[in-house]
Every structure is written in C-alpha cells, then in structure tokens.
Amino acid sequence: MNRCKQCHHTNLLMVSSLRYVFFMSVFPVVIAMAIGLLAEKIFFLFIPAIILTNIVLAKKKAPIILCKDCRHVETPQTRPAKETV
C-alpha cells in the first residue's frame, strides 16, 4: 500500500502523464485560440508547440504523487532509485 513519505497517510492522488498534459495544456491552448480568433491568425501555430512541450515535460515529471493531507509532492526526480540486488 502506498503511503506518504512525510506524514505516512494513505490519502494520495496520482497524476498520470495524460492528466498532466491535459491540465497543463488547456488554458494556454484556449488563450492561443482566443488571440488567434480575435487578433492575429499566427497564434494558431503556437498550439502544437504548447501541446508538444507539455508532452515532453510529462514524460519527465509524471506520474506525480500528491498527499491530500500534508500536500507533500513526489515526482520521479524526488523518488529514491530502486535498488537492484
């Protein structure tokens, strides 16, 4: 059973890479679309770059484990490496 490394509670939330990409891309894509519609069409070219950047970042950062009790955040960079015997 997974437990928080700080408070040892089991009330955890796991953010997958797909969820990370979705939540980190929605607002910038909507803003790029709004500016593209209202001001300049060239902003539509930023949409694929926003999505691709977030996919690359998700591969490095996700899965993120959040403790709902103490708000401790654990990413692959902060997790200890698995020991090989």
PDB file of N, CA and C in Angstrom:
ATOM      1  N   MET A   1       0.841  -1.169   0.000  1.00  0.00           N
ATOM      2  CA  MET A   1       0.000   0.000   0.000  1.00  0.00           C
ATOM      3  C   MET A   1       0.895   1.243   0.000  1.00  0.00           C
ATOM      4  N   ASN A   2       0.550   2.212  -0.830  1.00  0.00           N
ATOM      5  CA  ASN A   2       1.339   3.443  -0.911  1.00  0.00           C
ATOM      6  C   ASN A   2       1.023   4.362   0.255  1.00  0.00           C
ATOM      7  N   ARG A   3       2.069   4.939   0.809  1.00  0.00           N
ATOM      8  CA  ARG A   3       1.931   5.878   1.913  1.00  0.00           C
ATOM      9  C   ARG A   3       2.761   7.114   1.614  1.00  0.00           C
ATOM     10  N   CYS A   4       2.337   8.229   2.179  1.00  0.00           N
ATOM     11  CA  CYS A   4       3.083   9.468   2.054  1.00  0.00           C
ATOM     12  C   CYS A   4       4.419   9.332   2.793  1.00  0.00           C
ATOM     13  N   LYS A   5       5.468   9.857   2.190  1.00  0.00           N
ATOM     14  CA  LYS A   5       6.795   9.754   2.802  1.00  0.00           C
ATOM     15  C   LYS A   5       6.943  10.660   4.031  1.00  0.00           C
ATOM     16  N   GLN A   6       6.133  11.741   4.106  1.00  0.00           N
ATOM     17  CA  GLN A   6       6.250  12.661   5.239  1.00  0.00           C
ATOM     18  C   GLN A   6       5.297  12.329   6.378  1.00  0.00           C
ATOM     19  N   CYS A   7       3.987  12.196   6.056  1.00  0.00           N
ATOM     20  CA  CYS A   7       3.012  12.010   7.136  1.00  0.00           C
ATOM     21  C   CYS A   7       2.514  10.571   7.266  1.00  0.00           C
ATOM     22  N   HIS A   8       2.887   9.691   6.331  1.00  0.00           N
ATOM     23  CA  HIS A   8       2.544   8.264   6.342  1.00  0.00           C
ATOM     24  C   HIS A   8       1.050   7.983   6.220  1.00  0.00           C
ATOM     25  N   HIS A   9       0.270   8.927   5.691  1.00  0.00           N
ATOM     26  CA  HIS A   9      -1.144   8.675   5.415  1.00  0.00           C
ATOM     27  C   HIS A   9      -1.288   8.018   4.044  1.00  0.00           C
ATOM     28  N   THR A  10      -2.425   7.398   3.814  1.00  0.00           N
ATOM     29  CA  THR A  10      -2.668   6.720   2.541  1.00  0.00           C
ATOM     30  C   THR A  10      -3.583   7.525   1.623  1.00  0.00           C
ATOM     31  N   ASN A  11      -3.889   8.752   1.972  1.00  0.00           N
ATOM     32  CA  ASN A  11      -4.781   9.600   1.189  1.00  0.00           C
ATOM     33  C   ASN A  11      -3.971  10.295   0.090  1.00  0.00           C
ATOM     34  N   LEU A  12      -3.688   9.545  -0.999  1.00  0.00           N
ATOM     35  CA  LEU A  12      -2.829  10.032  -2.063  1.00  0.00           C
ATOM     36  C   LEU A  12      -3.594  10.226  -3.357  1.00  0.00           C
ATOM     37  N   LEU A  13      -3.105  11.147  -4.179  1.00  0.00           N
ATOM     38  CA  LEU A  13      -3.643  11.391  -5.513  1.00  0.00           C
ATOM     39  C   LEU A  13      -2.497  11.227  -6.499  1.00  0.00           C
ATOM     40  N   MET A  14      -2.700  10.403  -7.531  1.00  0.00           N
ATOM     41  CA  MET A  14      -1.664  10.193  -8.526  1.00  0.00           C
ATOM     42  C   MET A  14      -2.064  10.881  -9.823  1.00  0.00           C
ATOM     43  N   VAL A  15      -1.203  11.768 -10.316  1.00  0.00           N
ATOM     44  CA  VAL A  15      -1.447  12.490 -11.561  1.00  0.00           C
ATOM     45  C   VAL A  15      -0.659  11.784 -12.663  1.00  0.00           C
ATOM     46  N   SER A  16      -1.385  11.171 -13.594  1.00  0.00           N
ATOM     47  CA  SER A  16      -0.739  10.455 -14.697  1.00  0.00           C
ATOM     48  C   SER A  16      -0.231  11.447 -15.740  1.00  0.00           C
ATOM     49  N   SER A  17       0.562  10.957 -16.684  1.00  0.00           N
ATOM     50  CA  SER A  17       1.104  11.847 -17.707  1.00  0.00           C
ATOM     51  C   SER A  17       0.013  12.400 -18.621  1.00  0.00           C
ATOM     52  N   LEU A  18      -1.008  11.616 -18.927  1.00  0.00           N
ATOM     53  CA  LEU A  18      -2.109  12.110 -19.760  1.00  0.00           C
ATOM     54  C   LEU A  18      -2.868  13.225 -19.041  1.00  0.00           C
ATOM     55  N   ARG A  19      -3.121  13.034 -17.782  1.00  0.00           N
ATOM     56  CA  ARG A  19      -3.806  14.058 -16.988  1.00  0.00           C
ATOM     57  C   ARG A  19      -2.957  15.322 -16.868  1.00  0.00           C
ATOM     58  N   TYR A  20      -1.639  15.153 -16.711  1.00  0.00           N
ATOM     59  CA  TYR A  20      -0.724  16.279 -16.629  1.00  0.00           C
ATOM     60  C   TYR A  20      -0.762  17.089 -17.925  1.00  0.00           C
ATOM     61  N   VAL A  21      -0.666  16.405 -19.067  1.00  0.00           N
ATOM     62  CA  VAL A  21      -0.695  17.093 -20.367  1.00  0.00           C
ATOM     63  C   VAL A  21      -2.014  17.833 -20.543  1.00  0.00           C
ATOM     64  N   PHE A  22      -3.122  17.189 -20.197  1.00  0.00           N
ATOM     65  CA  PHE A  22      -4.433  17.822 -20.372  1.00  0.00           C
ATOM     66  C   PHE A  22      -4.549  19.097 -19.534  1.00  0.00           C
ATOM     67  N   PHE A  23      -4.250  19.002 -18.252  1.00  0.00           N
ATOM     68  CA  PHE A  23      -4.427  20.153 -17.373  1.00  0.00           C
ATOM     69  C   PHE A  23      -3.427  21.273 -17.639  1.00  0.00           C
ATOM     70  N   MET A  24      -2.230  20.939 -18.069  1.00  0.00           N
ATOM     71  CA  MET A  24      -1.232  21.973 -18.335  1.00  0.00           C
ATOM     72  C   MET A  24      -1.401  22.592 -19.722  1.00  0.00           C
ATOM     73  N   SER A  25      -2.166  21.967 -20.617  1.00  0.00           N
ATOM     74  CA  SER A  25      -2.318  22.470 -21.974  1.00  0.00           C
ATOM     75  C   SER A  25      -3.617  23.218 -22.217  1.00  0.00           C
ATOM     76  N   VAL A  26      -4.651  22.947 -21.454  1.00  0.00           N
ATOM     77  CA  VAL A  26      -5.968  23.516 -21.754  1.00  0.00           C
ATOM     78  C   VAL A  26      -5.950  25.043 -21.750  1.00  0.00           C
ATOM     79  N   PHE A  27      -5.489  25.660 -20.688  1.00  0.00           N
ATOM     80  CA  PHE A  27      -5.533  27.123 -20.587  1.00  0.00           C
ATOM     81  C   PHE A  27      -4.675  27.806 -21.658  1.00  0.00           C
ATOM     82  N   PRO A  28      -3.402  27.397 -21.852  1.00  0.00           N
ATOM     83  CA  PRO A  28      -2.617  28.048 -22.908  1.00  0.00           C
ATOM     84  C   PRO A  28      -3.204  27.854 -24.312  1.00  0.00           C
ATOM     85  N   VAL A  29      -3.780  26.680 -24.588  1.00  0.00           N
ATOM     86  CA  VAL A  29      -4.378  26.442 -25.907  1.00  0.00           C
ATOM     87  C   VAL A  29      -5.613  27.312 -26.091  1.00  0.00           C
ATOM     88  N   VAL A  30      -6.436  27.446 -25.073  1.00  0.00           N
ATOM     89  CA  VAL A  30      -7.631  28.301 -25.174  1.00  0.00           C
ATOM     90  C   VAL A  30      -7.223  29.761 -25.392  1.00  0.00           C
ATOM     91  N   ILE A  31      -6.202  30.218 -24.683  1.00  0.00           N
ATOM     92  CA  ILE A  31      -5.722  31.592 -24.857  1.00  0.00           C
ATOM     93  C   ILE A  31      -5.163  31.790 -26.265  1.00  0.00           C
ATOM     94  N   ALA A  32      -4.381  30.837 -26.766  1.00  0.00           N
ATOM     95  CA  ALA A  32      -3.838  30.935 -28.128  1.00  0.00           C
ATOM     96  C   ALA A  32      -4.957  30.953 -29.160  1.00  0.00           C
ATOM     97  N   MET A  33      -6.007  30.155 -28.938  1.00  0.00           N
ATOM     98  CA  MET A  33      -7.142  30.157 -29.863  1.00  0.00           C
ATOM     99  C   MET A  33      -7.890  31.484 -29.817  1.00  0.00           C
ATOM    100  N   ALA A  34      -8.083  32.025 -28.622  1.00  0.00           N
ATOM    101  CA  ALA A  34      -8.799  33.295 -28.489  1.00  0.00           C
ATOM    102  C   ALA A  34      -8.022  34.426 -29.159  1.00  0.00           C
ATOM    103  N   ILE A  35      -6.722  34.481 -28.929  1.00  0.00           N
ATOM    104  CA  ILE A  35      -5.909  35.524 -29.569  1.00  0.00           C
ATOM    105  C   ILE A  35      -5.871  35.316 -31.082  1.00  0.00           C
ATOM    106  N   GLY A  36      -5.823  34.055 -31.499  1.00  0.00           N
ATOM    107  CA  GLY A  36      -5.838  33.753 -32.936  1.00  0.00           C
ATOM    108  C   GLY A  36      -7.124  34.180 -33.604  1.00  0.00           C
ATOM    109  N   LEU A  37      -8.237  34.003 -32.918  1.00  0.00           N
ATOM    110  CA  LEU A  37      -9.523  34.407 -33.481  1.00  0.00           C
ATOM    111  C   LEU A  37      -9.721  35.924 -33.449  1.00  0.00           C
ATOM    112  N   LEU A  38      -9.295  36.545 -32.359  1.00  0.00           N
ATOM    113  CA  LEU A  38      -9.567  37.971 -32.180  1.00  0.00           C
ATOM    114  C   LEU A  38      -8.503  38.880 -32.787  1.00  0.00           C
ATOM    115  N   ALA A  39      -7.247  38.494 -32.776  1.00  0.00           N
ATOM    116  CA  ALA A  39      -6.193  39.423 -33.167  1.00  0.00           C
ATOM    117  C   ALA A  39      -5.405  38.943 -34.392  1.00  0.00           C
ATOM    118  N   GLU A  40      -4.635  37.906 -34.220  1.00  0.00           N
ATOM    119  CA  GLU A  40      -3.691  37.508 -35.261  1.00  0.00           C
ATOM    120  C   GLU A  40      -3.729  35.992 -35.452  1.00  0.00           C
ATOM    121  N   LYS A  41      -3.870  35.564 -36.684  1.00  0.00           N
ATOM    122  CA  LYS A  41      -4.010  34.132 -37.005  1.00  0.00           C
ATOM    123  C   LYS A  41      -2.733  33.337 -36.731  1.00  0.00           C
ATOM    124  N   ILE A  42      -1.601  33.991 -36.648  1.00  0.00           N
ATOM    125  CA  ILE A  42      -0.331  33.282 -36.444  1.00  0.00           C
ATOM    126  C   ILE A  42      -0.279  32.589 -35.081  1.00  0.00           C
ATOM    127  N   PHE A  43      -1.108  33.002 -34.129  1.00  0.00           N
ATOM    128  CA  PHE A  43      -1.113  32.374 -32.807  1.00  0.00           C
ATOM    129  C   PHE A  43      -1.612  30.931 -32.854  1.00  0.00           C
ATOM    130  N   PHE A  44      -2.292  30.548 -33.931  1.00  0.00           N
ATOM    131  CA  PHE A  44      -2.705  29.151 -34.074  1.00  0.00           C
ATOM    132  C   PHE A  44      -1.492  28.229 -34.228  1.00  0.00           C
ATOM    133  N   LEU A  45      -0.371  28.773 -34.693  1.00  0.00           N
ATOM    134  CA  LEU A  45       0.840  27.965 -34.838  1.00  0.00           C
ATOM    135  C   LEU A  45       1.461  27.597 -33.491  1.00  0.00           C
ATOM    136  N   PHE A  46       1.106  28.307 -32.427  1.00  0.00           N
ATOM    137  CA  PHE A  46       1.648  28.006 -31.109  1.00  0.00           C
ATOM    138  C   PHE A  46       0.978  26.794 -30.458  1.00  0.00           C
ATOM    139  N   ILE A  47      -0.196  26.421 -30.913  1.00  0.00           N
ATOM    140  CA  ILE A  47      -0.950  25.336 -30.272  1.00  0.00           C
ATOM    141  C   ILE A  47      -0.194  24.002 -30.313  1.00  0.00           C
ATOM    142  N   PRO A  48       0.324  23.556 -31.473  1.00  0.00           N
ATOM    143  CA  PRO A  48       1.090  22.294 -31.450  1.00  0.00           C
ATOM    144  C   PRO A  48       2.336  22.381 -30.569  1.00  0.00           C
ATOM    145  N   ALA A  49       2.987  23.546 -30.557  1.00  0.00           N
ATOM    146  CA  ALA A  49       4.181  23.703 -29.719  1.00  0.00           C
ATOM    147  C   ALA A  49       3.836  23.599 -28.238  1.00  0.00           C
ATOM    148  N   ILE A  50       2.719  24.170 -27.834  1.00  0.00           N
ATOM    149  CA  ILE A  50       2.278  24.090 -26.436  1.00  0.00           C
ATOM    150  C   ILE A  50       2.037  22.637 -26.046  1.00  0.00           C
ATOM    151  N   ILE A  51       1.334  21.918 -26.890  1.00  0.00           N
ATOM    152  CA  ILE A  51       0.994  20.526 -26.591  1.00  0.00           C
ATOM    153  C   ILE A  51       2.248  19.640 -26.582  1.00  0.00           C
ATOM    154  N   LEU A  52       3.123  19.816 -27.571  1.00  0.00           N
ATOM    155  CA  LEU A  52       4.351  19.007 -27.624  1.00  0.00           C
ATOM    156  C   LEU A  52       5.265  19.299 -26.440  1.00  0.00           C
ATOM    157  N   THR A  53       5.367  20.551 -26.048  1.00  0.00           N
ATOM    158  CA  THR A  53       6.185  20.901 -24.883  1.00  0.00           C
ATOM    159  C   THR A  53       5.652  20.227 -23.632  1.00  0.00           C
ATOM    160  N   ASN A  54       4.344  20.220 -23.458  1.00  0.00           N
ATOM    161  CA  ASN A  54       3.758  19.594 -22.276  1.00  0.00           C
ATOM    162  C   ASN A  54       3.881  18.075 -22.314  1.00  0.00           C
ATOM    163  N   ILE A  55       3.891  17.489 -23.495  1.00  0.00           N
ATOM    164  CA  ILE A  55       4.106  16.039 -23.593  1.00  0.00           C
ATOM    165  C   ILE A  55       5.535  15.696 -23.160  1.00  0.00           C
ATOM    166  N   VAL A  56       6.506  16.482 -23.605  1.00  0.00           N
ATOM    167  CA  VAL A  56       7.904  16.244 -23.216  1.00  0.00           C
ATOM    168  C   VAL A  56       8.069  16.413 -21.703  1.00  0.00           C
ATOM    169  N   LEU A  57       7.467  17.464 -21.151  1.00  0.00           N
ATOM    170  CA  LEU A  57       7.556  17.681 -19.707  1.00  0.00           C
ATOM    171  C   LEU A  57       6.865  16.571 -18.927  1.00  0.00           C
ATOM    172  N   ALA A  58       5.748  16.070 -19.433  1.00  0.00           N
ATOM    173  CA  ALA A  58       5.023  14.993 -18.747  1.00  0.00           C
ATOM    174  C   ALA A  58       5.850  13.714 -18.691  1.00  0.00           C
ATOM    175  N   LYS A  59       6.633  13.463 -19.731  1.00  0.00           N
ATOM    176  CA  LYS A  59       7.486  12.265 -19.715  1.00  0.00           C
ATOM    177  C   LYS A  59       8.538  12.339 -18.616  1.00  0.00           C
ATOM    178  N   LYS A  60       8.975  13.573 -18.292  1.00  0.00           N
ATOM    179  CA  LYS A  60       9.977  13.742 -17.246  1.00  0.00           C
ATOM    180  C   LYS A  60       9.358  13.804 -15.856  1.00  0.00           C
ATOM    181  N   LYS A  61       8.208  14.454 -15.714  1.00  0.00           N
ATOM    182  CA  LYS A  61       7.655  14.743 -14.392  1.00  0.00           C
ATOM    183  C   LYS A  61       6.603  13.761 -13.909  1.00  0.00           C
ATOM    184  N   ALA A  62       5.821  13.194 -14.796  1.00  0.00           N
ATOM    185  CA  ALA A  62       4.717  12.342 -14.382  1.00  0.00           C
ATOM    186  C   ALA A  62       5.212  10.920 -14.183  1.00  0.00           C
ATOM    187  N   PRO A  63       4.635  10.106 -13.355  1.00  0.00           N
ATOM    188  CA  PRO A  63       3.488  10.384 -12.500  1.00  0.00           C
ATOM    189  C   PRO A  63       3.871  11.177 -11.248  1.00  0.00           C
ATOM    190  N   ILE A  64       3.022  12.103 -10.911  1.00  0.00           N
ATOM    191  CA  ILE A  64       3.206  12.914  -9.714  1.00  0.00           C
ATOM    192  C   ILE A  64       2.280  12.357  -8.637  1.00  0.00           C
ATOM    193  N   ILE A  65       2.815  12.168  -7.449  1.00  0.00           N
ATOM    194  CA  ILE A  65       2.015  11.663  -6.328  1.00  0.00           C
ATOM    195  C   ILE A  65       1.852  12.791  -5.322  1.00  0.00           C
ATOM    196  N   LEU A  66       0.596  13.135  -5.031  1.00  0.00           N
ATOM    197  CA  LEU A  66       0.277  14.218  -4.103  1.00  0.00           C
ATOM    198  C   LEU A  66      -0.416  13.644  -2.875  1.00  0.00           C
ATOM    199  N   CYS A  67       0.027  14.066  -1.701  1.00  0.00           N
ATOM    200  CA  CYS A  67      -0.647  13.692  -0.464  1.00  0.00           C
ATOM    201  C   CYS A  67      -1.727  14.732  -0.198  1.00  0.00           C
ATOM    202  N   LYS A  68      -2.953  14.286  -0.040  1.00  0.00           N
ATOM    203  CA  LYS A  68      -4.061  15.218   0.200  1.00  0.00           C
ATOM    204  C   LYS A  68      -4.069  15.760   1.622  1.00  0.00           C
ATOM    205  N   ASP A  69      -3.376  15.095   2.532  1.00  0.00           N
ATOM    206  CA  ASP A  69      -3.374  15.537   3.925  1.00  0.00           C
ATOM    207  C   ASP A  69      -2.315  16.603   4.196  1.00  0.00           C
ATOM    208  N   CYS A  70      -1.066  16.335   3.826  1.00  0.00           N
ATOM    209  CA  CYS A  70       0.012  17.273   4.149  1.00  0.00           C
ATOM    210  C   CYS A  70       0.505  18.057   2.930  1.00  0.00           C
ATOM    211  N   ARG A  71      -0.050  17.787   1.741  1.00  0.00           N
ATOM    212  CA  ARG A  71       0.308  18.476   0.486  1.00  0.00           C
ATOM    213  C   ARG A  71       1.731  18.188   0.011  1.00  0.00           C
ATOM    214  N   HIS A  72       2.294  17.075   0.451  1.00  0.00           N
ATOM    215  CA  HIS A  72       3.624  16.669   0.003  1.00  0.00           C
ATOM    216  C   HIS A  72       3.533  16.231  -1.461  1.00  0.00           C
ATOM    217  N   VAL A  73       4.499  16.657  -2.287  1.00  0.00           N
ATOM    218  CA  VAL A  73       4.529  16.317  -3.707  1.00  0.00           C
ATOM    219  C   VAL A  73       5.751  15.454  -3.977  1.00  0.00           C
ATOM    220  N   GLU A  74       5.515  14.348  -4.658  1.00  0.00           N
ATOM    221  CA  GLU A  74       6.599  13.441  -5.001  1.00  0.00           C
ATOM    222  C   GLU A  74       6.605  13.228  -6.510  1.00  0.00           C
ATOM    223  N   THR A  75       7.731  13.527  -7.145  1.00  0.00           N
ATOM    224  CA  THR A  75       7.903  13.337  -8.580  1.00  0.00           C
ATOM    225  C   THR A  75       8.965  12.270  -8.814  1.00  0.00           C
ATOM    226  N   PRO A  76       9.130  11.824 -10.056  1.00  0.00           N
ATOM    227  CA  PRO A  76      10.187  10.829 -10.314  1.00  0.00           C
ATOM    228  C   PRO A  76      11.579  11.318  -9.914  1.00  0.00           C
ATOM    229  N   GLN A  77      11.816  12.635  -9.966  1.00  0.00           N
ATOM    230  CA  GLN A  77      13.123  13.162  -9.585  1.00  0.00           C
ATOM    231  C   GLN A  77      13.341  13.094  -8.078  1.00  0.00           C
ATOM    232  N   THR A  78      12.289  13.165  -7.276  1.00  0.00           N
ATOM    233  CA  THR A  78      12.439  13.148  -5.823  1.00  0.00           C
ATOM    234  C   THR A  78      12.336  11.753  -5.235  1.00  0.00           C
ATOM    235  N   ARG A  79      11.893  10.771  -6.020  1.00  0.00           N
ATOM    236  CA  ARG A  79      11.801   9.403  -5.528  1.00  0.00           C
ATOM    237  C   ARG A  79      13.180   8.769  -5.480  1.00  0.00           C
ATOM    238  N   PRO A  80      13.433   7.958  -4.471  1.00  0.00           N
ATOM    239  CA  PRO A  80      14.725   7.256  -4.443  1.00  0.00           C
ATOM    240  C   PRO A  80      14.785   6.206  -5.549  1.00  0.00           C
ATOM    241  N   ALA A  81      15.960   5.986  -6.062  1.00  0.00           N
ATOM    242  CA  ALA A  81      16.141   4.986  -7.125  1.00  0.00           C
ATOM    243  C   ALA A  81      15.873   3.595  -6.557  1.00  0.00           C
ATOM    244  N   LYS A  82      15.318   2.726  -7.415  1.00  0.00           N
ATOM    245  CA  LYS A  82      15.048   1.353  -6.994  1.00  0.00           C
ATOM    246  C   LYS A  82      16.367   0.606  -6.856  1.00  0.00           C
ATOM    247  N   GLU A  83      16.475  -0.116  -5.781  1.00  0.00           N
ATOM    248  CA  GLU A  83      17.692  -0.882  -5.533  1.00  0.00           C
ATOM    249  C   GLU A  83      17.657  -2.177  -6.335  1.00  0.00           C
ATOM    250  N   THR A  84      18.766  -2.486  -6.979  1.00  0.00           N
ATOM    251  CA  THR A  84      18.865  -3.753  -7.697  1.00  0.00           C
ATOM    252  C   THR A  84      19.778  -4.669  -6.906  1.00  0.00           C
ATOM    253  N   VAL A  85      19.312  -5.891  -6.754  1.00  0.00           N
ATOM    254  CA  VAL A  85      20.070  -6.852  -5.931  1.00  0.00           C
ATOM    255  C   VAL A  85      20.744  -7.850  -6.833  1.00  0.00           C
TER     256      VAL A  85
END
